Amino acid sequence: LILFNNELEGPVHSLHIANIDELEYLGLSGNKFSGSIAHQIGNIPSLEYLYLDNNRFTGTLPTKLGLLSNLKSFNLDNNEIFGRLPSEIGNMVDLEYLSVRGNSLSGDIPSEVGTMQSLVTMNLATNFFSGQLPEEIGALDNLKHLYLFQNKIEGTIPDLIGTMAKLKVLFLSSNKITGFPAEVSGIADTLTELYLSDNKITGSIPASVCDLTNLEVLFLDSNFFTGEIPECLGANLDNLRQLYMFGNQLEGFIPQNLQNLKQLTALGLEDNEFVGDVSQGICRLTDDQNGVLSELWADCGGSTPEVSCDCCDTCCPGPNC
């Protein structure tokens, strides 16, 4: 049953839908359906694909969702669902795609998600989840994409996250994260995107970040990092396309070996405590013949610039900062 992108509205009578024999696909995305998700939705054991995103559903998630043991894909993005993510969701052992982004779900992420061994993508972003990340997430051997940005998750990232051999994207921006795993050997060859912006991470940039040799995107901005930029960033991460470190308390000289990052298109260094020059080697990356760097930000503005930069397209402080 596919009713995508219409102007349908009102409650969905799950009792009637449950009477459709052997229903495998229920697609109601992009309408104006409202009301709660009735518990009778759990009475459709044949259901494999459930798309309720971009509607106006309210209320809490029924625990009987856990009865949908054959479900492979569940999208509830951009509704008005609140309350907790029920622990019974761990019974969906065949689920490959779970997305509840853009609701008002809260409380801890249940540890039972660690039993969902088929998950490839989990998106719980833009909610109000709190507490620490359950270490059981690290048991999801098939997970490739983990989106948890814009929540209230706190504490350190569990060490088991660093063992997830298929993980490609880890998006944890805009939380209250305070630490990163010291051992990342499991994700060293697979992780391509790491977003840690707008958290509460302190101390030096972890050396383990330099072990992520296939990283293409690294966001470390808006934290409380101190010390110098580790030389290993420029030595090891030659696949980087975007590197943002602005809004920290980093200091010292900007390493010249960042010039080794030939794929870099964006480098954000502003709002730190660096001194000295942005090297000519880094500047050469802005030349079409030598690199593809098109966005270079540094603290080279104001009446007493902290950094000298001949090639920055944006100098801070300034009108575009």
C-alpha atoms as a PDB file:
ATOM      1  CA  LEU A   1       0.000   0.000   0.000  1.00  0.00           C
ATOM      2  CA  ILE A   2       1.825   3.145  -1.242  1.00  0.00           C
ATOM      3  CA  LEU A   3       0.327   6.615  -0.734  1.00  0.00           C
ATOM      4  CA  PHE A   4       3.460   8.793  -0.820  1.00  0.00           C
ATOM      5  CA  ASN A   5       3.325  12.597  -1.176  1.00  0.00           C
ATOM      6  CA  ASN A   6      -0.344  13.406  -1.252  1.00  0.00           C
ATOM      7  CA  GLU A   7      -2.541  15.691   0.859  1.00  0.00           C
ATOM      8  CA  LEU A   8      -4.115  12.913   2.900  1.00  0.00           C
ATOM      9  CA  GLU A   9      -4.891  13.825   6.490  1.00  0.00           C
ATOM     10  CA  GLY A  10      -6.490  12.626   9.690  1.00  0.00           C
ATOM     11  CA  PRO A  11      -5.781   9.507  11.740  1.00  0.00           C
ATOM     12  CA  VAL A  12      -4.697   6.204  10.245  1.00  0.00           C
ATOM     13  CA  HIS A  13      -7.025   3.379  11.200  1.00  0.00           C
ATOM     14  CA  SER A  14      -4.448   0.708  11.950  1.00  0.00           C
ATOM     15  CA  LEU A  15      -7.151  -1.791  12.828  1.00  0.00           C
ATOM     16  CA  HIS A  16      -8.373  -1.790   9.228  1.00  0.00           C
ATOM     17  CA  ILE A  17      -4.850  -1.893   7.816  1.00  0.00           C
ATOM     18  CA  ALA A  18      -4.080  -4.864  10.043  1.00  0.00           C
ATOM     19  CA  ASN A  19      -6.830  -6.772   8.264  1.00  0.00           C
ATOM     20  CA  ILE A  20      -5.036  -6.575   4.914  1.00  0.00           C
ATOM     21  CA  ASP A  21      -3.678 -10.059   4.404  1.00  0.00           C
ATOM     22  CA  GLU A  22       0.060 -10.427   3.830  1.00  0.00           C
ATOM     23  CA  LEU A  23       0.720  -6.661   3.784  1.00  0.00           C
ATOM     24  CA  GLU A  24       4.457  -6.198   3.254  1.00  0.00           C
ATOM     25  CA  TYR A  25       4.807  -2.522   2.314  1.00  0.00           C
ATOM     26  CA  LEU A  26       3.037   0.415   3.969  1.00  0.00           C
ATOM     27  CA  GLY A  27       4.166   3.776   2.579  1.00  0.00           C
ATOM     28  CA  LEU A  28       2.378   6.838   3.959  1.00  0.00           C
ATOM     29  CA  SER A  29       5.252   9.352   3.718  1.00  0.00           C
ATOM     30  CA  GLY A  30       4.730  12.996   2.843  1.00  0.00           C
ATOM     31  CA  ASN A  31       1.113  13.480   3.832  1.00  0.00           C
ATOM     32  CA  LYS A  32      -0.701  15.173   6.717  1.00  0.00           C
ATOM     33  CA  PHE A  33      -1.688  12.126   8.698  1.00  0.00           C
ATOM     34  CA  SER A  34      -2.095  12.859  12.403  1.00  0.00           C
ATOM     35  CA  GLY A  35      -2.996  11.172  15.644  1.00  0.00           C
ATOM     36  CA  SER A  36      -1.090   8.420  17.378  1.00  0.00           C
ATOM     37  CA  ILE A  37       0.428   5.264  15.948  1.00  0.00           C
ATOM     38  CA  ALA A  38      -2.014   2.635  17.191  1.00  0.00           C
ATOM     39  CA  HIS A  39      -0.729  -0.513  18.867  1.00  0.00           C
ATOM     40  CA  GLN A  40      -2.551  -2.594  16.244  1.00  0.00           C
ATOM     41  CA  ILE A  41       0.361  -1.832  13.908  1.00  0.00           C
ATOM     42  CA  GLY A  42       2.072  -4.716  15.663  1.00  0.00           C
ATOM     43  CA  ASN A  43      -0.576  -7.090  14.340  1.00  0.00           C
ATOM     44  CA  ILE A  44       0.890  -7.098  10.821  1.00  0.00           C
ATOM     45  CA  PRO A  45       3.668  -9.696  11.113  1.00  0.00           C
ATOM     46  CA  SER A  46       4.132  -9.777   7.339  1.00  0.00           C
ATOM     47  CA  LEU A  47       5.168  -6.100   7.224  1.00  0.00           C
ATOM     48  CA  GLU A  48       8.685  -5.522   5.868  1.00  0.00           C
ATOM     49  CA  TYR A  49       8.693  -1.816   4.955  1.00  0.00           C
ATOM     50  CA  LEU A  50       7.017   0.872   7.078  1.00  0.00           C
ATOM     51  CA  TYR A  51       7.333   4.520   5.997  1.00  0.00           C
ATOM     52  CA  LEU A  52       5.485   7.095   8.114  1.00  0.00           C
ATOM     53  CA  ASP A  53       7.917  10.003   7.724  1.00  0.00           C
ATOM     54  CA  ASN A  54       6.976  13.629   7.074  1.00  0.00           C
ATOM     55  CA  ASN A  55       3.523  13.560   8.580  1.00  0.00           C
ATOM     56  CA  ARG A  56       1.989  14.903  11.797  1.00  0.00           C
ATOM     57  CA  PHE A  57       1.861  11.792  13.935  1.00  0.00           C
ATOM     58  CA  THR A  58       1.927  12.434  17.684  1.00  0.00           C
ATOM     59  CA  GLY A  59       2.024  10.428  20.898  1.00  0.00           C
ATOM     60  CA  THR A  60       4.436   7.721  21.961  1.00  0.00           C
ATOM     61  CA  LEU A  61       5.752   4.734  20.075  1.00  0.00           C
ATOM     62  CA  PRO A  62       3.727   1.595  20.855  1.00  0.00           C
ATOM     63  CA  THR A  63       5.703  -1.242  22.399  1.00  0.00           C
ATOM     64  CA  LYS A  64       4.015  -3.627  19.973  1.00  0.00           C
ATOM     65  CA  LEU A  65       6.265  -2.306  17.233  1.00  0.00           C
ATOM     66  CA  GLY A  66       8.595  -4.969  18.551  1.00  0.00           C
ATOM     67  CA  LEU A  67       6.255  -7.625  17.147  1.00  0.00           C
ATOM     68  CA  LEU A  68       7.206  -6.621  13.608  1.00  0.00           C
ATOM     69  CA  SER A  69       9.991  -9.161  13.535  1.00  0.00           C
ATOM     70  CA  ASN A  70      10.134  -9.240   9.713  1.00  0.00           C
ATOM     71  CA  LEU A  71      10.511  -5.483   9.322  1.00  0.00           C
ATOM     72  CA  LYS A  72      13.515  -4.454   7.208  1.00  0.00           C
ATOM     73  CA  SER A  73      13.051  -0.675   6.964  1.00  0.00           C
ATOM     74  CA  PHE A  74      11.309   1.786   9.302  1.00  0.00           C
ATOM     75  CA  ASN A  75      11.222   5.558   8.710  1.00  0.00           C
ATOM     76  CA  LEU A  76       9.423   7.889  11.131  1.00  0.00           C
ATOM     77  CA  ASP A  77      11.348  11.106  10.364  1.00  0.00           C
ATOM     78  CA  ASN A  78       9.848  14.537  10.950  1.00  0.00           C
ATOM     79  CA  ASN A  79       6.780  13.841  13.021  1.00  0.00           C
ATOM     80  CA  GLU A  80       5.814  14.865  16.557  1.00  0.00           C
ATOM     81  CA  ILE A  81       6.475  11.624  18.410  1.00  0.00           C
ATOM     82  CA  PHE A  82       7.625  11.949  22.021  1.00  0.00           C
ATOM     83  CA  GLY A  83       8.542   9.690  24.929  1.00  0.00           C
ATOM     84  CA  ARG A  84      11.090   6.897  24.915  1.00  0.00           C
ATOM     85  CA  LEU A  85      12.306   4.580  22.215  1.00  0.00           C
ATOM     86  CA  PRO A  86      10.779   1.315  23.471  1.00  0.00           C
ATOM     87  CA  SER A  87      13.220  -1.429  24.414  1.00  0.00           C
ATOM     88  CA  GLU A  88      11.047  -3.872  22.446  1.00  0.00           C
ATOM     89  CA  ILE A  89      12.530  -2.388  19.282  1.00  0.00           C
ATOM     90  CA  GLY A  90      15.417  -4.766  19.912  1.00  0.00           C
ATOM     91  CA  ASN A  91      13.161  -7.592  18.705  1.00  0.00           C
ATOM     92  CA  MET A  92      13.387  -6.269  15.147  1.00  0.00           C
ATOM     93  CA  VAL A  93      16.340  -8.471  14.352  1.00  0.00           C
ATOM     94  CA  ASP A  94      15.875  -8.205  10.560  1.00  0.00           C
ATOM     95  CA  LEU A  95      15.721  -4.399  10.536  1.00  0.00           C
ATOM     96  CA  GLU A  96      18.359  -2.856   8.257  1.00  0.00           C
ATOM     97  CA  TYR A  97      17.252   0.786   8.253  1.00  0.00           C
ATOM     98  CA  LEU A  98      15.947   2.677  11.296  1.00  0.00           C
ATOM     99  CA  SER A  99      15.320   6.421  11.171  1.00  0.00           C
ATOM    100  CA  VAL A 100      13.324   8.482  13.674  1.00  0.00           C
ATOM    101  CA  ARG A 101      15.061  11.796  13.009  1.00  0.00           C
ATOM    102  CA  GLY A 102      13.290  15.046  13.801  1.00  0.00           C
ATOM    103  CA  ASN A 103      10.925  14.034  16.578  1.00  0.00           C
ATOM    104  CA  SER A 104      10.877  14.702  20.331  1.00  0.00           C
ATOM    105  CA  LEU A 105      12.009  11.316  21.594  1.00  0.00           C
ATOM    106  CA  SER A 106      13.860  11.450  24.900  1.00  0.00           C
ATOM    107  CA  GLY A 107      15.500   9.375  27.615  1.00  0.00           C
ATOM    108  CA  ASP A 108      18.291   6.862  27.220  1.00  0.00           C
ATOM    109  CA  ILE A 109      18.889   4.987  23.991  1.00  0.00           C
ATOM    110  CA  PRO A 110      17.875   1.448  25.010  1.00  0.00           C
ATOM    111  CA  SER A 111      20.713  -1.051  25.237  1.00  0.00           C
ATOM    112  CA  GLU A 112      18.505  -3.519  23.363  1.00  0.00           C
ATOM    113  CA  VAL A 113      19.452  -1.826  20.092  1.00  0.00           C
ATOM    114  CA  GLY A 114      22.591  -3.958  20.335  1.00  0.00           C
ATOM    115  CA  THR A 115      20.559  -7.030  19.365  1.00  0.00           C
ATOM    116  CA  MET A 116      19.547  -5.535  15.991  1.00  0.00           C
ATOM    117  CA  GLN A 117      22.356  -7.270  14.166  1.00  0.00           C
ATOM    118  CA  SER A 118      21.033  -6.544  10.674  1.00  0.00           C
ATOM    119  CA  LEU A 119      21.127  -2.747  11.073  1.00  0.00           C
ATOM    120  CA  VAL A 120      23.068  -0.894   8.388  1.00  0.00           C
ATOM    121  CA  THR A 121      21.776   2.620   9.138  1.00  0.00           C
ATOM    122  CA  MET A 122      20.561   4.026  12.448  1.00  0.00           C
ATOM    123  CA  ASN A 123      19.421   7.642  12.523  1.00  0.00           C
ATOM    124  CA  LEU A 124      18.217   9.009  15.863  1.00  0.00           C
ATOM    125  CA  ALA A 125      19.280  12.597  15.145  1.00  0.00           C
ATOM    126  CA  THR A 126      17.465  15.776  16.166  1.00  0.00           C
ATOM    127  CA  ASN A 127      15.648  14.443  19.191  1.00  0.00           C
ATOM    128  CA  PHE A 128      16.185  14.771  22.941  1.00  0.00           C
ATOM    129  CA  PHE A 129      17.968  11.514  23.737  1.00  0.00           C
ATOM    130  CA  SER A 130      20.142  11.808  26.841  1.00  0.00           C
ATOM    131  CA  GLY A 131      22.482   9.734  28.950  1.00  0.00           C
ATOM    132  CA  GLN A 132      25.501   7.913  27.617  1.00  0.00           C
ATOM    133  CA  LEU A 133      25.764   5.981  24.396  1.00  0.00           C
ATOM    134  CA  PRO A 134      25.084   2.318  25.191  1.00  0.00           C
ATOM    135  CA  GLU A 135      28.203   0.273  24.556  1.00  0.00           C
ATOM    136  CA  GLU A 136      25.946  -2.371  22.994  1.00  0.00           C
ATOM    137  CA  ILE A 137      25.868  -0.232  19.840  1.00  0.00           C
ATOM    138  CA  GLY A 138      29.409  -1.441  19.300  1.00  0.00           C
ATOM    139  CA  ALA A 139      28.039  -4.960  18.784  1.00  0.00           C
ATOM    140  CA  LEU A 140      26.233  -3.941  15.579  1.00  0.00           C
ATOM    141  CA  ASP A 141      28.644  -5.623  13.195  1.00  0.00           C
ATOM    142  CA  ASN A 142      26.827  -4.547  10.015  1.00  0.00           C
ATOM    143  CA  LEU A 143      26.279  -0.891  10.924  1.00  0.00           C
ATOM    144  CA  LYS A 144      27.684   1.556   8.367  1.00  0.00           C
ATOM    145  CA  HIS A 145      25.940   4.838   9.223  1.00  0.00           C
ATOM    146  CA  LEU A 146      25.285   6.131  12.756  1.00  0.00           C
ATOM    147  CA  TYR A 147      23.582   9.525  13.026  1.00  0.00           C
ATOM    148  CA  LEU A 148      22.999  10.875  16.535  1.00  0.00           C
ATOM    149  CA  PHE A 149      23.539  14.614  16.095  1.00  0.00           C
ATOM    150  CA  GLN A 150      21.473  17.229  17.921  1.00  0.00           C
ATOM    151  CA  ASN A 151      20.607  15.310  21.050  1.00  0.00           C
ATOM    152  CA  LYS A 152      21.742  15.536  24.677  1.00  0.00           C
ATOM    153  CA  ILE A 153      24.031  12.509  24.749  1.00  0.00           C
ATOM    154  CA  GLU A 154      26.881  12.842  27.230  1.00  0.00           C
ATOM    155  CA  GLY A 155      30.026  11.122  28.409  1.00  0.00           C
ATOM    156  CA  THR A 156      32.709   9.447  26.358  1.00  0.00           C
ATOM    157  CA  ILE A 157      32.164   7.496  23.163  1.00  0.00           C
ATOM    158  CA  PRO A 158      32.272   3.785  24.136  1.00  0.00           C
ATOM    159  CA  ASP A 159      35.469   1.979  23.189  1.00  0.00           C
ATOM    160  CA  LEU A 160      33.439  -0.664  21.358  1.00  0.00           C
ATOM    161  CA  ILE A 161      32.487   1.952  18.751  1.00  0.00           C
ATOM    162  CA  GLY A 162      36.117   1.783  17.689  1.00  0.00           C
ATOM    163  CA  THR A 163      35.753  -1.909  16.848  1.00  0.00           C
ATOM    164  CA  MET A 164      32.868  -1.615  14.358  1.00  0.00           C
ATOM    165  CA  ALA A 165      34.533  -2.976  11.240  1.00  0.00           C
ATOM    166  CA  LYS A 166      31.963  -1.689   8.713  1.00  0.00           C
ATOM    167  CA  LEU A 167      31.274   1.779  10.138  1.00  0.00           C
ATOM    168  CA  LYS A 168      31.645   4.538   7.530  1.00  0.00           C
ATOM    169  CA  VAL A 169      29.874   7.563   9.029  1.00  0.00           C
ATOM    170  CA  LEU A 170      29.840   8.562  12.708  1.00  0.00           C
ATOM    171  CA  PHE A 171      27.829  11.774  13.209  1.00  0.00           C
ATOM    172  CA  LEU A 172      27.726  12.910  16.847  1.00  0.00           C
ATOM    173  CA  SER A 173      27.712  16.705  16.523  1.00  0.00           C
ATOM    174  CA  SER A 174      25.728  18.932  18.904  1.00  0.00           C
ATOM    175  CA  ASN A 175      25.667  16.732  21.981  1.00  0.00           C
ATOM    176  CA  LYS A 176      27.560  16.738  25.282  1.00  0.00           C
ATOM    177  CA  ILE A 177      30.222  14.208  24.340  1.00  0.00           C
ATOM    178  CA  THR A 178      33.402  14.525  26.428  1.00  0.00           C
ATOM    179  CA  GLY A 179      35.789  11.930  24.987  1.00  0.00           C
ATOM    180  CA  PHE A 180      36.828   9.832  21.997  1.00  0.00           C
ATOM    181  CA  PRO A 181      38.066   6.197  22.047  1.00  0.00           C
ATOM    182  CA  ALA A 182      41.815   5.717  22.369  1.00  0.00           C
ATOM    183  CA  GLU A 183      41.679   2.544  20.257  1.00  0.00           C
ATOM    184  CA  VAL A 184      40.045   2.709  16.816  1.00  0.00           C
ATOM    185  CA  SER A 185      41.677  -0.184  14.995  1.00  0.00           C
ATOM    186  CA  GLY A 186      38.311  -1.672  13.998  1.00  0.00           C
ATOM    187  CA  ILE A 187      37.177   1.448  12.124  1.00  0.00           C
ATOM    188  CA  ALA A 188      40.603   2.622  10.941  1.00  0.00           C
ATOM    189  CA  ASP A 189      40.134   1.328   7.402  1.00  0.00           C
ATOM    190  CA  THR A 190      36.419   2.024   6.930  1.00  0.00           C
ATOM    191  CA  LEU A 191      35.460   5.312   8.595  1.00  0.00           C
ATOM    192  CA  THR A 192      35.246   8.113   6.014  1.00  0.00           C
ATOM    193  CA  GLU A 193      33.254  10.770   7.912  1.00  0.00           C
ATOM    194  CA  LEU A 194      33.620  11.791  11.563  1.00  0.00           C
ATOM    195  CA  TYR A 195      31.550  14.652  12.977  1.00  0.00           C
ATOM    196  CA  LEU A 196      32.278  15.717  16.568  1.00  0.00           C
ATOM    197  CA  SER A 197      31.355  19.415  16.273  1.00  0.00           C
ATOM    198  CA  ASP A 198      29.709  21.303  19.121  1.00  0.00           C
ATOM    199  CA  ASN A 199      30.449  18.949  21.985  1.00  0.00           C
ATOM    200  CA  LYS A 200      32.403  19.245  25.232  1.00  0.00           C
ATOM    201  CA  ILE A 201      35.601  17.387  24.370  1.00  0.00           C
ATOM    202  CA  THR A 202      38.658  18.684  26.212  1.00  0.00           C
ATOM    203  CA  GLY A 203      42.399  18.120  26.069  1.00  0.00           C
ATOM    204  CA  SER A 204      44.550  17.449  23.042  1.00  0.00           C
ATOM    205  CA  ILE A 205      43.166  16.196  19.744  1.00  0.00           C
ATOM    206  CA  PRO A 206      43.267  12.406  20.281  1.00  0.00           C
ATOM    207  CA  ALA A 207      46.149  10.667  18.552  1.00  0.00           C
ATOM    208  CA  SER A 208      43.731   7.888  17.604  1.00  0.00           C
ATOM    209  CA  VAL A 209      42.106  10.258  15.077  1.00  0.00           C
ATOM    210  CA  CYS A 210      45.307   9.991  13.054  1.00  0.00           C
ATOM    211  CA  ASP A 211      44.774   6.240  12.738  1.00  0.00           C
ATOM    212  CA  LEU A 212      41.611   6.827  10.684  1.00  0.00           C
ATOM    213  CA  THR A 213      43.572   6.863   7.458  1.00  0.00           C
ATOM    214  CA  ASN A 214      40.553   6.785   5.110  1.00  0.00           C
ATOM    215  CA  LEU A 215      38.854   9.820   6.621  1.00  0.00           C
ATOM    216  CA  GLU A 216      37.502  12.276   4.072  1.00  0.00           C
ATOM    217  CA  VAL A 217      35.551  14.533   6.446  1.00  0.00           C
ATOM    218  CA  LEU A 218      36.688  15.539   9.950  1.00  0.00           C
ATOM    219  CA  PHE A 219      34.731  18.047  12.050  1.00  0.00           C
ATOM    220  CA  LEU A 220      36.358  18.858  15.414  1.00  0.00           C
ATOM    221  CA  ASP A 221      35.084  22.428  15.703  1.00  0.00           C
ATOM    222  CA  SER A 222      33.316  24.069  18.642  1.00  0.00           C
ATOM    223  CA  ASN A 223      34.816  21.966  21.414  1.00  0.00           C
ATOM    224  CA  PHE A 224      37.451  22.676  24.053  1.00  0.00           C
ATOM    225  CA  PHE A 225      40.510  21.140  22.436  1.00  0.00           C
ATOM    226  CA  THR A 226      43.835  22.520  23.637  1.00  0.00           C
ATOM    227  CA  GLY A 227      47.465  22.105  22.642  1.00  0.00           C
ATOM    228  CA  GLU A 228      48.847  21.993  19.133  1.00  0.00           C
ATOM    229  CA  ILE A 229      47.521  20.392  15.971  1.00  0.00           C
ATOM    230  CA  PRO A 230      49.180  16.949  15.891  1.00  0.00           C
ATOM    231  CA  GLU A 231      51.636  16.543  13.041  1.00  0.00           C
ATOM    232  CA  CYS A 232      50.122  13.143  12.275  1.00  0.00           C
ATOM    233  CA  LEU A 233      47.005  14.785  10.796  1.00  0.00           C
ATOM    234  CA  GLY A 234      49.006  16.067   7.867  1.00  0.00           C
ATOM    235  CA  ALA A 235      51.117  12.928   7.692  1.00  0.00           C
ATOM    236  CA  ASN A 236      48.403  10.248   7.801  1.00  0.00           C
ATOM    237  CA  LEU A 237      45.084  11.654   6.610  1.00  0.00           C
ATOM    238  CA  ASP A 238      45.847  12.359   2.976  1.00  0.00           C
ATOM    239  CA  ASN A 239      42.279  11.552   1.886  1.00  0.00           C
ATOM    240  CA  LEU A 240      40.799  14.472   3.820  1.00  0.00           C
ATOM    241  CA  ARG A 241      38.493  16.778   1.884  1.00  0.00           C
ATOM    242  CA  GLN A 242      37.117  18.811   4.791  1.00  0.00           C
ATOM    243  CA  LEU A 243      38.906  19.652   8.043  1.00  0.00           C
ATOM    244  CA  TYR A 244      37.257  21.972  10.549  1.00  0.00           C
ATOM    245  CA  MET A 245      38.949  22.822  13.858  1.00  0.00           C
ATOM    246  CA  PHE A 246      37.583  26.312  14.505  1.00  0.00           C
ATOM    247  CA  GLY A 247      36.166  27.392  17.857  1.00  0.00           C
ATOM    248  CA  ASN A 248      38.617  25.607  20.133  1.00  0.00           C
ATOM    249  CA  GLN A 249      41.615  26.640  22.242  1.00  0.00           C
ATOM    250  CA  LEU A 250      44.297  25.214  19.992  1.00  0.00           C
ATOM    251  CA  GLU A 251      47.626  27.002  19.986  1.00  0.00           C
ATOM    252  CA  GLY A 252      51.114  27.033  18.531  1.00  0.00           C
ATOM    253  CA  PHE A 253      52.075  27.037  14.875  1.00  0.00           C
ATOM    254  CA  ILE A 254      49.897  25.638  12.105  1.00  0.00           C
ATOM    255  CA  PRO A 255      51.768  22.530  10.891  1.00  0.00           C
ATOM    256  CA  GLN A 256      53.321  23.002   7.473  1.00  0.00           C
ATOM    257  CA  ASN A 257      52.649  19.377   6.603  1.00  0.00           C
ATOM    258  CA  LEU A 258      48.945  20.145   6.192  1.00  0.00           C
ATOM    259  CA  GLN A 259      50.161  20.946   2.685  1.00  0.00           C
ATOM    260  CA  ASN A 260      50.236  17.167   2.148  1.00  0.00           C
ATOM    261  CA  LEU A 261      46.435  17.091   2.161  1.00  0.00           C
ATOM    262  CA  LYS A 262      46.084  17.483  -1.594  1.00  0.00           C
ATOM    263  CA  GLN A 263      42.354  16.588  -1.619  1.00  0.00           C
ATOM    264  CA  LEU A 264      41.424  19.297   0.883  1.00  0.00           C
ATOM    265  CA  THR A 265      38.616  21.620  -0.243  1.00  0.00           C
ATOM    266  CA  ALA A 266      37.869  23.301   3.138  1.00  0.00           C
ATOM    267  CA  LEU A 267      40.106  24.121   6.109  1.00  0.00           C
ATOM    268  CA  GLY A 268      38.669  26.002   9.093  1.00  0.00           C
ATOM    269  CA  LEU A 269      41.268  27.173  11.642  1.00  0.00           C
ATOM    270  CA  GLU A 270      39.687  30.352  12.996  1.00  0.00           C
ATOM    271  CA  ASP A 271      38.736  31.218  16.583  1.00  0.00           C
ATOM    272  CA  ASN A 272      41.753  29.517  18.140  1.00  0.00           C
ATOM    273  CA  GLU A 273      45.063  30.760  19.565  1.00  0.00           C
ATOM    274  CA  PHE A 274      47.438  29.942  16.721  1.00  0.00           C
ATOM    275  CA  VAL A 275      50.442  32.129  15.959  1.00  0.00           C
ATOM    276  CA  GLY A 276      52.762  32.527  13.005  1.00  0.00           C
ATOM    277  CA  ASP A 277      51.995  32.098   9.324  1.00  0.00           C
ATOM    278  CA  VAL A 278      49.802  29.917   7.196  1.00  0.00           C
ATOM    279  CA  SER A 279      52.643  28.412   5.180  1.00  0.00           C
ATOM    280  CA  GLN A 280      53.120  28.989   1.479  1.00  0.00           C
ATOM    281  CA  GLY A 281      52.827  25.232   1.037  1.00  0.00           C
ATOM    282  CA  ILE A 282      49.276  25.340   2.403  1.00  0.00           C
ATOM    283  CA  CYS A 283      48.574  28.418   0.295  1.00  0.00           C
ATOM    284  CA  ARG A 284      49.629  26.560  -2.826  1.00  0.00           C
ATOM    285  CA  LEU A 285      46.678  24.222  -2.253  1.00  0.00           C
ATOM    286  CA  THR A 286      44.416  27.146  -3.193  1.00  0.00           C
ATOM    287  CA  ASP A 287      46.045  27.261  -6.613  1.00  0.00           C
ATOM    288  CA  ASP A 288      44.114  25.215  -9.163  1.00  0.00           C
ATOM    289  CA  GLN A 289      47.342  23.707 -10.425  1.00  0.00           C
ATOM    290  CA  ASN A 290      48.371  22.396  -7.008  1.00  0.00           C
ATOM    291  CA  GLY A 291      45.196  21.692  -5.079  1.00  0.00           C
ATOM    292  CA  VAL A 292      41.461  22.175  -4.693  1.00  0.00           C
ATOM    293  CA  LEU A 293      41.333  24.207  -1.469  1.00  0.00           C
ATOM    294  CA  SER A 294      38.549  26.762  -1.924  1.00  0.00           C
ATOM    295  CA  GLU A 295      37.665  27.608   1.698  1.00  0.00           C
ATOM    296  CA  LEU A 296      40.476  28.643   4.046  1.00  0.00           C
ATOM    297  CA  TRP A 297      39.613  30.423   7.277  1.00  0.00           C
ATOM    298  CA  ALA A 298      42.085  31.694   9.889  1.00  0.00           C
ATOM    299  CA  ASP A 299      42.526  34.385  12.559  1.00  0.00           C
ATOM    300  CA  CYS A 300      44.185  36.788  10.151  1.00  0.00           C
ATOM    301  CA  GLY A 301      41.727  39.686  10.526  1.00  0.00           C
ATOM    302  CA  GLY A 302      41.237  42.615  12.858  1.00  0.00           C
ATOM    303  CA  SER A 303      43.681  45.319  13.896  1.00  0.00           C
ATOM    304  CA  THR A 304      46.146  42.873  15.453  1.00  0.00           C
ATOM    305  CA  PRO A 305      45.900  39.584  13.539  1.00  0.00           C
ATOM    306  CA  GLU A 306      47.178  36.507  15.374  1.00  0.00           C
ATOM    307  CA  VAL A 307      48.052  34.711  12.148  1.00  0.00           C
ATOM    308  CA  SER A 308      49.506  35.919   8.891  1.00  0.00           C
ATOM    309  CA  CYS A 309      47.827  34.502   5.788  1.00  0.00           C
ATOM    310  CA  ASP A 310      48.317  35.608   2.197  1.00  0.00           C
ATOM    311  CA  CYS A 311      45.757  33.238   0.729  1.00  0.00           C
ATOM    312  CA  CYS A 312      42.861  32.967   3.200  1.00  0.00           C
ATOM    313  CA  ASP A 313      39.524  33.747   1.628  1.00  0.00           C
ATOM    314  CA  THR A 314      38.102  34.573   5.078  1.00  0.00           C
ATOM    315  CA  CYS A 315      40.076  36.318   7.824  1.00  0.00           C
ATOM    316  CA  CYS A 316      38.581  36.481  11.314  1.00  0.00           C
ATOM    317  CA  PRO A 317      37.476  38.486  13.122  1.00  0.00           C
ATOM    318  CA  GLY A 318      35.624  39.996  10.228  1.00  0.00           C
ATOM    319  CA  PRO A 319      32.162  40.459   8.714  1.00  0.00           C
ATOM    320  CA  ASN A 320      31.957  36.904   7.372  1.00  0.00           C
ATOM    321  CA  CYS A 321      33.043  35.145  10.568  1.00  0.00           C
END
